[in-house]
């Protein structure tokens, strides 16, 4: 997901998306442990998305203060 798209979303939407990405990362990690993963880069991309969302949420908190 692009940073510009994330900035357009509201705070609640960003937090909801963050929770969804964390859940998906958890699922990918544990499903790939027993079997071969089809998309090996999915976990990497999810971690990057999570980091982007956390950064934007933190920036918004700092701007609010």
C-alpha atoms as a PDB file:
ATOM      1  CA  UNK A   1       0.000   0.000   0.000  1.00  0.00           C
ATOM      2  CA  UNK A   2       1.280   3.429  -0.887  1.00  0.00           C
ATOM      3  CA  UNK A   3       2.028   6.042   1.748  1.00  0.00           C
ATOM      4  CA  UNK A   4      -0.170   8.614   0.010  1.00  0.00           C
ATOM      5  CA  UNK A   5      -3.145   6.264   0.220  1.00  0.00           C
ATOM      6  CA  UNK A   6      -2.524   5.680   3.921  1.00  0.00           C
ATOM      7  CA  UNK A   7      -2.317   9.396   4.705  1.00  0.00           C
ATOM      8  CA  UNK A   8      -5.737   9.964   3.116  1.00  0.00           C
ATOM      9  CA  UNK A   9      -7.374   7.463   5.456  1.00  0.00           C
ATOM     10  CA  UNK A  10      -8.691   8.472   8.856  1.00  0.00           C
ATOM     11  CA  UNK A  11      -7.089   7.474  12.136  1.00  0.00           C
ATOM     12  CA  UNK A  12      -9.659   4.774  12.862  1.00  0.00           C
ATOM     13  CA  UNK A  13      -9.241   3.297   9.397  1.00  0.00           C
ATOM     14  CA  UNK A  14      -5.453   3.257   9.771  1.00  0.00           C
ATOM     15  CA  UNK A  15      -5.646   1.447  13.101  1.00  0.00           C
ATOM     16  CA  UNK A  16      -8.117  -1.076  11.688  1.00  0.00           C
ATOM     17  CA  UNK A  17      -5.834  -1.698   8.708  1.00  0.00           C
ATOM     18  CA  UNK A  18      -2.873  -2.128  11.075  1.00  0.00           C
ATOM     19  CA  UNK A  19      -4.722  -4.796  13.026  1.00  0.00           C
ATOM     20  CA  UNK A  20      -5.672  -6.599   9.811  1.00  0.00           C
ATOM     21  CA  UNK A  21      -2.076  -6.576   8.552  1.00  0.00           C
ATOM     22  CA  UNK A  22      -0.767  -7.901  11.882  1.00  0.00           C
ATOM     23  CA  UNK A  23      -3.337 -10.708  11.822  1.00  0.00           C
ATOM     24  CA  UNK A  24      -2.439 -11.597   8.236  1.00  0.00           C
ATOM     25  CA  UNK A  25       1.291 -11.632   9.078  1.00  0.00           C
ATOM     26  CA  UNK A  26       0.595 -13.976  11.970  1.00  0.00           C
ATOM     27  CA  UNK A  27      -1.366 -16.279   9.680  1.00  0.00           C
ATOM     28  CA  UNK A  28       1.348 -16.246   7.006  1.00  0.00           C
ATOM     29  CA  UNK A  29       4.093 -17.035   9.493  1.00  0.00           C
ATOM     30  CA  UNK A  30       2.344 -20.016  11.002  1.00  0.00           C
ATOM     31  CA  UNK A  31       0.885 -21.408   7.805  1.00  0.00           C
ATOM     32  CA  UNK A  32       4.248 -21.360   6.046  1.00  0.00           C
ATOM     33  CA  UNK A  33       6.031 -23.120   8.878  1.00  0.00           C
ATOM     34  CA  UNK A  34       4.587 -26.533   8.114  1.00  0.00           C
ATOM     35  CA  UNK A  35       4.285 -26.253   4.356  1.00  0.00           C
ATOM     36  CA  UNK A  36       5.999 -24.458   1.542  1.00  0.00           C
ATOM     37  CA  UNK A  37       4.704 -20.945   1.123  1.00  0.00           C
ATOM     38  CA  UNK A  38       3.476 -19.976  -2.308  1.00  0.00           C
ATOM     39  CA  UNK A  39       4.355 -16.315  -1.938  1.00  0.00           C
ATOM     40  CA  UNK A  40       7.591 -16.058   0.011  1.00  0.00           C
ATOM     41  CA  UNK A  41       7.717 -12.271  -0.167  1.00  0.00           C
ATOM     42  CA  UNK A  42       4.298 -11.796   1.385  1.00  0.00           C
ATOM     43  CA  UNK A  43       5.669 -11.679   4.936  1.00  0.00           C
ATOM     44  CA  UNK A  44       8.275  -9.096   3.932  1.00  0.00           C
ATOM     45  CA  UNK A  45       5.662  -6.915   2.262  1.00  0.00           C
ATOM     46  CA  UNK A  46       3.335  -7.191   5.245  1.00  0.00           C
ATOM     47  CA  UNK A  47       6.094  -6.114   7.642  1.00  0.00           C
ATOM     48  CA  UNK A  48       6.846  -3.106   5.455  1.00  0.00           C
ATOM     49  CA  UNK A  49       3.162  -2.147   5.327  1.00  0.00           C
ATOM     50  CA  UNK A  50       2.913  -2.438   9.116  1.00  0.00           C
ATOM     51  CA  UNK A  51       5.963  -0.186   9.524  1.00  0.00           C
ATOM     52  CA  UNK A  52       4.469   2.411   7.146  1.00  0.00           C
ATOM     53  CA  UNK A  53       1.181   2.471   9.015  1.00  0.00           C
ATOM     54  CA  UNK A  54       2.886   2.749  12.412  1.00  0.00           C
ATOM     55  CA  UNK A  55       5.024   5.635  11.143  1.00  0.00           C
ATOM     56  CA  UNK A  56       2.012   7.561   9.862  1.00  0.00           C
ATOM     57  CA  UNK A  57       0.055   6.967  13.089  1.00  0.00           C
ATOM     58  CA  UNK A  58       3.015   8.229  15.115  1.00  0.00           C
ATOM     59  CA  UNK A  59       3.380  11.314  12.909  1.00  0.00           C
ATOM     60  CA  UNK A  60      -0.308  12.085  13.366  1.00  0.00           C
ATOM     61  CA  UNK A  61       0.026  11.776  17.162  1.00  0.00           C
ATOM     62  CA  UNK A  62       2.964  14.185  17.185  1.00  0.00           C
ATOM     63  CA  UNK A  63       1.077  16.683  15.018  1.00  0.00           C
ATOM     64  CA  UNK A  64      -1.956  16.559  17.329  1.00  0.00           C
ATOM     65  CA  UNK A  65       0.067  17.529  20.386  1.00  0.00           C
END
